[in-house]
Amino acid sequence: MEFQFRKGITGLPLAKCDLECEAFGDWLSHDLGTDRAKIKDLLEIVEQLLNKRLAHYELSGKEYYLTFEDDEVLLSLNNNQTTVDEFAEDYDPDESTGCGLIDFKHLLEQWAIFTRGG
């Protein structure tokens, strides 16, 4: 998965992921944000999933719902709204976006570094 991070005009971090996984960028930017405790907890859950100490996990956020199963992460909208209007035009709320658990871990680790400022 390709991604990039930047600061928005408000100074808050924004994530943009490649087309197949663009919902993950919106999730990082608006659901997860800079909540370091939540990021740390989620990284620990990912480790448990990778080490097979946990088989399944679900996380409901402000706008998105994550399902972790086997080695895959599925992301769906909680409600049929998105934060960014331009994103809403291209996104089908009835579909889930997915990626591998390893890719998700890498994305989350890089987001943690970026939001820490280092």
N, C-alpha and C. Protein backbone atom coordinates (compact mmCIF):
# COMPACT_ATOMS: atom_id res chain seq x y z
N MET A 1 0.85 -1.18 0.00
CA MET A 1 0.00 0.00 0.00
C MET A 1 0.89 1.24 0.00
N GLU A 2 0.60 2.15 -0.90
CA GLU A 2 1.33 3.40 -0.95
C GLU A 2 0.54 4.47 -0.21
N PHE A 3 1.26 5.34 0.49
CA PHE A 3 0.60 6.39 1.25
C PHE A 3 1.55 7.57 1.41
N GLN A 4 0.95 8.70 1.77
CA GLN A 4 1.74 9.88 2.12
C GLN A 4 1.01 10.64 3.20
N PHE A 5 1.78 11.33 4.01
CA PHE A 5 1.24 12.12 5.10
C PHE A 5 1.67 13.56 4.91
N ARG A 6 0.82 14.47 5.35
CA ARG A 6 1.15 15.89 5.30
C ARG A 6 0.33 16.62 6.35
N LYS A 7 0.67 17.85 6.59
CA LYS A 7 -0.10 18.69 7.50
C LYS A 7 -1.10 19.49 6.67
N GLY A 8 -2.34 19.54 7.12
CA GLY A 8 -3.36 20.33 6.45
C GLY A 8 -3.21 21.80 6.79
N ILE A 9 -4.07 22.64 6.22
CA ILE A 9 -3.97 24.08 6.48
C ILE A 9 -4.27 24.42 7.94
N THR A 10 -4.96 23.52 8.63
CA THR A 10 -5.23 23.73 10.06
C THR A 10 -4.08 23.25 10.94
N GLY A 11 -3.09 22.60 10.31
CA GLY A 11 -1.96 22.07 11.06
C GLY A 11 -2.14 20.63 11.50
N LEU A 12 -3.34 20.08 11.27
CA LEU A 12 -3.59 18.69 11.65
C LEU A 12 -3.04 17.75 10.59
N PRO A 13 -2.57 16.58 11.00
CA PRO A 13 -2.03 15.63 10.04
C PRO A 13 -3.13 15.02 9.17
N LEU A 14 -2.80 14.82 7.89
CA LEU A 14 -3.70 14.19 6.94
C LEU A 14 -2.98 13.05 6.25
N ALA A 15 -3.70 11.98 6.01
CA ALA A 15 -3.14 10.81 5.33
C ALA A 15 -3.84 10.62 4.00
N LYS A 16 -3.08 10.23 3.01
CA LYS A 16 -3.64 9.90 1.71
C LYS A 16 -3.05 8.57 1.29
N CYS A 17 -3.93 7.61 0.99
CA CYS A 17 -3.50 6.28 0.56
C CYS A 17 -3.84 6.09 -0.91
N ASP A 18 -3.21 5.10 -1.54
CA ASP A 18 -3.48 4.85 -2.94
C ASP A 18 -4.96 4.54 -3.17
N LEU A 19 -5.37 4.60 -4.40
CA LEU A 19 -6.78 4.54 -4.78
C LEU A 19 -7.53 3.35 -4.20
N GLU A 20 -6.93 2.17 -4.22
CA GLU A 20 -7.62 0.97 -3.72
C GLU A 20 -7.85 1.02 -2.22
N CYS A 21 -7.06 1.80 -1.52
CA CYS A 21 -7.13 1.85 -0.04
C CYS A 21 -7.34 3.26 0.48
N GLU A 22 -7.92 4.14 -0.33
CA GLU A 22 -8.02 5.55 0.08
C GLU A 22 -8.85 5.76 1.34
N ALA A 23 -9.77 4.86 1.64
CA ALA A 23 -10.57 4.99 2.86
C ALA A 23 -9.69 4.92 4.11
N PHE A 24 -8.58 4.18 4.04
CA PHE A 24 -7.68 4.10 5.19
C PHE A 24 -7.07 5.47 5.50
N GLY A 25 -6.79 6.26 4.48
CA GLY A 25 -6.28 7.60 4.70
C GLY A 25 -7.30 8.48 5.41
N ASP A 26 -8.55 8.38 4.99
CA ASP A 26 -9.61 9.15 5.64
C ASP A 26 -9.80 8.67 7.07
N TRP A 27 -9.73 7.37 7.29
CA TRP A 27 -9.85 6.81 8.64
C TRP A 27 -8.74 7.32 9.56
N LEU A 28 -7.49 7.27 9.06
CA LEU A 28 -6.38 7.77 9.87
C LEU A 28 -6.56 9.24 10.21
N SER A 29 -6.91 10.03 9.21
CA SER A 29 -7.01 11.47 9.37
C SER A 29 -8.13 11.90 10.29
N HIS A 30 -9.27 11.24 10.21
CA HIS A 30 -10.45 11.74 10.89
C HIS A 30 -10.99 10.86 12.02
N ASP A 31 -10.78 9.58 11.94
CA ASP A 31 -11.27 8.69 13.01
C ASP A 31 -10.18 8.47 14.07
N LEU A 32 -8.99 8.14 13.63
CA LEU A 32 -7.90 7.86 14.57
C LEU A 32 -7.19 9.14 14.99
N GLY A 33 -6.87 9.97 14.04
CA GLY A 33 -6.23 11.25 14.33
C GLY A 33 -4.91 11.09 15.05
N THR A 34 -4.69 11.92 16.04
CA THR A 34 -3.41 11.94 16.77
C THR A 34 -3.53 11.32 18.16
N ASP A 35 -4.54 10.52 18.38
CA ASP A 35 -4.77 9.89 19.68
C ASP A 35 -3.69 8.82 19.91
N ARG A 36 -2.61 9.21 20.58
CA ARG A 36 -1.46 8.32 20.77
C ARG A 36 -1.82 7.04 21.53
N ALA A 37 -2.70 7.16 22.52
CA ALA A 37 -3.10 5.98 23.30
C ALA A 37 -3.84 4.98 22.40
N LYS A 38 -4.72 5.50 21.56
CA LYS A 38 -5.48 4.64 20.66
C LYS A 38 -4.56 3.97 19.63
N ILE A 39 -3.60 4.75 19.12
CA ILE A 39 -2.64 4.21 18.15
C ILE A 39 -1.82 3.10 18.80
N LYS A 40 -1.33 3.34 20.01
CA LYS A 40 -0.54 2.34 20.73
C LYS A 40 -1.36 1.07 20.99
N ASP A 41 -2.60 1.25 21.45
CA ASP A 41 -3.46 0.09 21.71
C ASP A 41 -3.70 -0.71 20.44
N LEU A 42 -3.93 -0.01 19.35
CA LEU A 42 -4.20 -0.69 18.08
C LEU A 42 -2.97 -1.44 17.57
N LEU A 43 -1.79 -0.86 17.76
CA LEU A 43 -0.56 -1.56 17.37
C LEU A 43 -0.37 -2.83 18.21
N GLU A 44 -0.72 -2.77 19.48
CA GLU A 44 -0.63 -3.96 20.33
C GLU A 44 -1.61 -5.04 19.88
N ILE A 45 -2.80 -4.64 19.48
CA ILE A 45 -3.80 -5.60 18.98
C ILE A 45 -3.31 -6.23 17.69
N VAL A 46 -2.72 -5.44 16.81
CA VAL A 46 -2.18 -5.97 15.55
C VAL A 46 -1.09 -7.00 15.85
N GLU A 47 -0.23 -6.72 16.82
CA GLU A 47 0.81 -7.69 17.21
C GLU A 47 0.18 -8.99 17.70
N GLN A 48 -0.86 -8.89 18.51
CA GLN A 48 -1.54 -10.08 19.01
C GLN A 48 -2.15 -10.88 17.85
N LEU A 49 -2.71 -10.19 16.88
CA LEU A 49 -3.28 -10.87 15.71
C LEU A 49 -2.18 -11.56 14.89
N LEU A 50 -1.08 -10.86 14.69
CA LEU A 50 0.03 -11.43 13.91
C LEU A 50 0.64 -12.64 14.61
N ASN A 51 0.67 -12.61 15.94
CA ASN A 51 1.24 -13.72 16.71
C ASN A 51 0.21 -14.79 17.06
N LYS A 52 -0.98 -14.65 16.49
CA LYS A 52 -2.08 -15.64 16.66
C LYS A 52 -2.54 -15.78 18.11
N ARG A 53 -2.32 -14.74 18.92
CA ARG A 53 -2.87 -14.74 20.28
C ARG A 53 -4.29 -14.19 20.29
N LEU A 54 -4.68 -13.62 19.16
CA LEU A 54 -6.02 -13.08 18.97
C LEU A 54 -6.44 -13.48 17.57
N ALA A 55 -7.66 -14.00 17.41
CA ALA A 55 -8.11 -14.47 16.10
C ALA A 55 -8.97 -13.45 15.37
N HIS A 56 -9.65 -12.61 16.12
CA HIS A 56 -10.61 -11.68 15.52
C HIS A 56 -10.70 -10.45 16.41
N TYR A 57 -10.87 -9.28 15.77
CA TYR A 57 -11.04 -8.05 16.53
C TYR A 57 -11.87 -7.09 15.71
N GLU A 58 -12.71 -6.31 16.38
CA GLU A 58 -13.52 -5.30 15.71
C GLU A 58 -13.37 -3.98 16.46
N LEU A 59 -13.34 -2.90 15.71
CA LEU A 59 -13.20 -1.57 16.28
C LEU A 59 -14.18 -0.63 15.60
N SER A 60 -15.01 -0.02 16.40
CA SER A 60 -15.97 0.95 15.87
C SER A 60 -15.50 2.35 16.21
N GLY A 61 -15.35 3.18 15.19
CA GLY A 61 -14.90 4.55 15.39
C GLY A 61 -16.01 5.54 15.12
N LYS A 62 -15.63 6.82 15.01
CA LYS A 62 -16.61 7.87 14.77
C LYS A 62 -17.31 7.68 13.43
N GLU A 63 -16.53 7.36 12.40
CA GLU A 63 -17.09 7.23 11.06
C GLU A 63 -16.90 5.83 10.46
N TYR A 64 -15.89 5.14 10.91
CA TYR A 64 -15.53 3.85 10.29
C TYR A 64 -15.59 2.71 11.29
N TYR A 65 -15.68 1.52 10.72
CA TYR A 65 -15.72 0.27 11.47
C TYR A 65 -14.64 -0.63 10.89
N LEU A 66 -13.72 -1.10 11.74
CA LEU A 66 -12.65 -1.99 11.30
C LEU A 66 -12.91 -3.40 11.78
N THR A 67 -12.67 -4.36 10.92
CA THR A 67 -12.76 -5.77 11.26
C THR A 67 -11.43 -6.42 10.94
N PHE A 68 -10.83 -7.05 11.93
CA PHE A 68 -9.56 -7.76 11.76
C PHE A 68 -9.87 -9.24 11.80
N GLU A 69 -9.53 -9.93 10.74
CA GLU A 69 -9.81 -11.36 10.67
C GLU A 69 -8.69 -12.03 9.90
N ASP A 70 -8.16 -13.09 10.46
CA ASP A 70 -7.01 -13.78 9.86
C ASP A 70 -5.90 -12.77 9.63
N ASP A 71 -5.47 -12.62 8.40
CA ASP A 71 -4.38 -11.69 8.09
C ASP A 71 -4.88 -10.50 7.29
N GLU A 72 -6.15 -10.14 7.47
CA GLU A 72 -6.74 -9.06 6.69
C GLU A 72 -7.47 -8.06 7.58
N VAL A 73 -7.49 -6.82 7.12
CA VAL A 73 -8.21 -5.74 7.80
C VAL A 73 -9.25 -5.21 6.83
N LEU A 74 -10.50 -5.18 7.25
CA LEU A 74 -11.57 -4.62 6.43
C LEU A 74 -12.07 -3.34 7.08
N LEU A 75 -12.26 -2.31 6.28
CA LEU A 75 -12.71 -1.01 6.74
C LEU A 75 -14.03 -0.67 6.06
N SER A 76 -15.05 -0.36 6.86
CA SER A 76 -16.37 0.01 6.34
C SER A 76 -16.83 1.28 7.03
N LEU A 77 -17.75 1.97 6.40
CA LEU A 77 -18.33 3.16 7.02
C LEU A 77 -19.36 2.75 8.05
N ASN A 78 -19.38 3.43 9.21
CA ASN A 78 -20.41 3.23 10.22
C ASN A 78 -21.74 3.74 9.71
N ASN A 79 -21.71 4.96 9.19
CA ASN A 79 -22.89 5.56 8.62
C ASN A 79 -22.54 5.92 7.19
N ASN A 80 -23.46 6.35 6.43
CA ASN A 80 -23.21 6.59 5.02
C ASN A 80 -22.70 8.00 4.74
N GLN A 81 -21.81 8.48 5.60
CA GLN A 81 -21.22 9.80 5.40
C GLN A 81 -19.71 9.68 5.50
N THR A 82 -19.05 10.57 4.81
CA THR A 82 -17.61 10.69 4.94
C THR A 82 -17.29 12.11 5.34
N THR A 83 -16.08 12.32 5.80
CA THR A 83 -15.66 13.64 6.25
C THR A 83 -15.37 14.56 5.08
N VAL A 84 -14.77 14.04 4.05
CA VAL A 84 -14.33 14.85 2.92
C VAL A 84 -15.29 14.68 1.76
N ASP A 85 -15.88 15.78 1.30
CA ASP A 85 -16.88 15.71 0.23
C ASP A 85 -16.33 15.09 -1.05
N GLU A 86 -15.12 15.44 -1.43
CA GLU A 86 -14.57 14.89 -2.66
C GLU A 86 -14.37 13.38 -2.54
N PHE A 87 -14.08 12.92 -1.36
CA PHE A 87 -13.93 11.48 -1.12
C PHE A 87 -15.28 10.79 -1.24
N ALA A 88 -16.33 11.42 -0.76
CA ALA A 88 -17.67 10.84 -0.75
C ALA A 88 -18.17 10.55 -2.16
N GLU A 89 -17.78 11.35 -3.14
CA GLU A 89 -18.24 11.15 -4.50
C GLU A 89 -17.79 9.82 -5.07
N ASP A 90 -16.59 9.38 -4.73
CA ASP A 90 -16.02 8.17 -5.31
C ASP A 90 -16.20 6.93 -4.45
N TYR A 91 -16.71 7.09 -3.25
CA TYR A 91 -16.75 5.96 -2.32
C TYR A 91 -18.14 5.35 -2.25
N ASP A 92 -18.22 4.04 -2.39
CA ASP A 92 -19.48 3.31 -2.27
C ASP A 92 -19.60 2.84 -0.83
N PRO A 93 -20.56 3.37 -0.06
CA PRO A 93 -20.67 3.05 1.36
C PRO A 93 -21.05 1.60 1.64
N ASP A 94 -21.51 0.89 0.64
CA ASP A 94 -21.88 -0.51 0.84
C ASP A 94 -20.70 -1.46 0.68
N GLU A 95 -19.56 -0.94 0.26
CA GLU A 95 -18.38 -1.77 0.06
C GLU A 95 -17.37 -1.56 1.17
N SER A 96 -16.65 -2.61 1.46
CA SER A 96 -15.54 -2.52 2.41
C SER A 96 -14.25 -2.37 1.63
N THR A 97 -13.30 -1.72 2.25
CA THR A 97 -11.96 -1.61 1.71
C THR A 97 -11.07 -2.49 2.58
N GLY A 98 -10.17 -3.21 1.96
CA GLY A 98 -9.34 -4.10 2.75
C GLY A 98 -7.87 -3.99 2.42
N CYS A 99 -7.07 -4.50 3.34
CA CYS A 99 -5.63 -4.61 3.12
C CYS A 99 -5.10 -5.72 4.03
N GLY A 100 -3.88 -6.12 3.77
CA GLY A 100 -3.26 -7.13 4.60
C GLY A 100 -2.86 -6.56 5.95
N LEU A 101 -2.79 -7.43 6.93
CA LEU A 101 -2.45 -7.02 8.30
C LEU A 101 -1.04 -6.43 8.39
N ILE A 102 -0.10 -6.99 7.64
CA ILE A 102 1.28 -6.47 7.64
C ILE A 102 1.30 -5.05 7.06
N ASP A 103 0.60 -4.84 5.94
CA ASP A 103 0.53 -3.51 5.35
C ASP A 103 -0.12 -2.52 6.31
N PHE A 104 -1.18 -2.96 6.98
CA PHE A 104 -1.88 -2.11 7.93
C PHE A 104 -0.95 -1.73 9.08
N LYS A 105 -0.18 -2.70 9.57
CA LYS A 105 0.75 -2.43 10.67
C LYS A 105 1.79 -1.38 10.25
N HIS A 106 2.32 -1.53 9.04
CA HIS A 106 3.31 -0.58 8.54
C HIS A 106 2.70 0.83 8.43
N LEU A 107 1.49 0.91 7.88
CA LEU A 107 0.79 2.19 7.77
C LEU A 107 0.60 2.82 9.14
N LEU A 108 0.15 2.04 10.10
CA LEU A 108 -0.11 2.54 11.45
C LEU A 108 1.19 2.97 12.15
N GLU A 109 2.25 2.20 11.98
CA GLU A 109 3.54 2.57 12.58
C GLU A 109 4.05 3.90 12.01
N GLN A 110 3.93 4.06 10.69
CA GLN A 110 4.39 5.30 10.06
C GLN A 110 3.52 6.49 10.48
N TRP A 111 2.22 6.25 10.65
CA TRP A 111 1.31 7.30 11.13
C TRP A 111 1.70 7.72 12.56
N ALA A 112 2.03 6.73 13.38
CA ALA A 112 2.45 7.03 14.76
C ALA A 112 3.70 7.90 14.77
N ILE A 113 4.65 7.60 13.92
CA ILE A 113 5.88 8.40 13.82
C ILE A 113 5.55 9.81 13.33
N PHE A 114 4.75 9.89 12.29
CA PHE A 114 4.41 11.20 11.71
C PHE A 114 3.65 12.09 12.68
N THR A 115 2.70 11.52 13.39
CA THR A 115 1.89 12.32 14.31
C THR A 115 2.65 12.70 15.58
N ARG A 116 3.71 11.97 15.88
CA ARG A 116 4.59 12.33 17.00
C ARG A 116 5.48 13.50 16.63
N GLY A 117 5.61 13.72 15.32
CA GLY A 117 6.49 14.79 14.86
C GLY A 117 7.92 14.35 14.68
N GLY A 118 8.12 13.04 14.58
CA GLY A 118 9.49 12.59 14.44
C GLY A 118 9.50 11.26 13.87
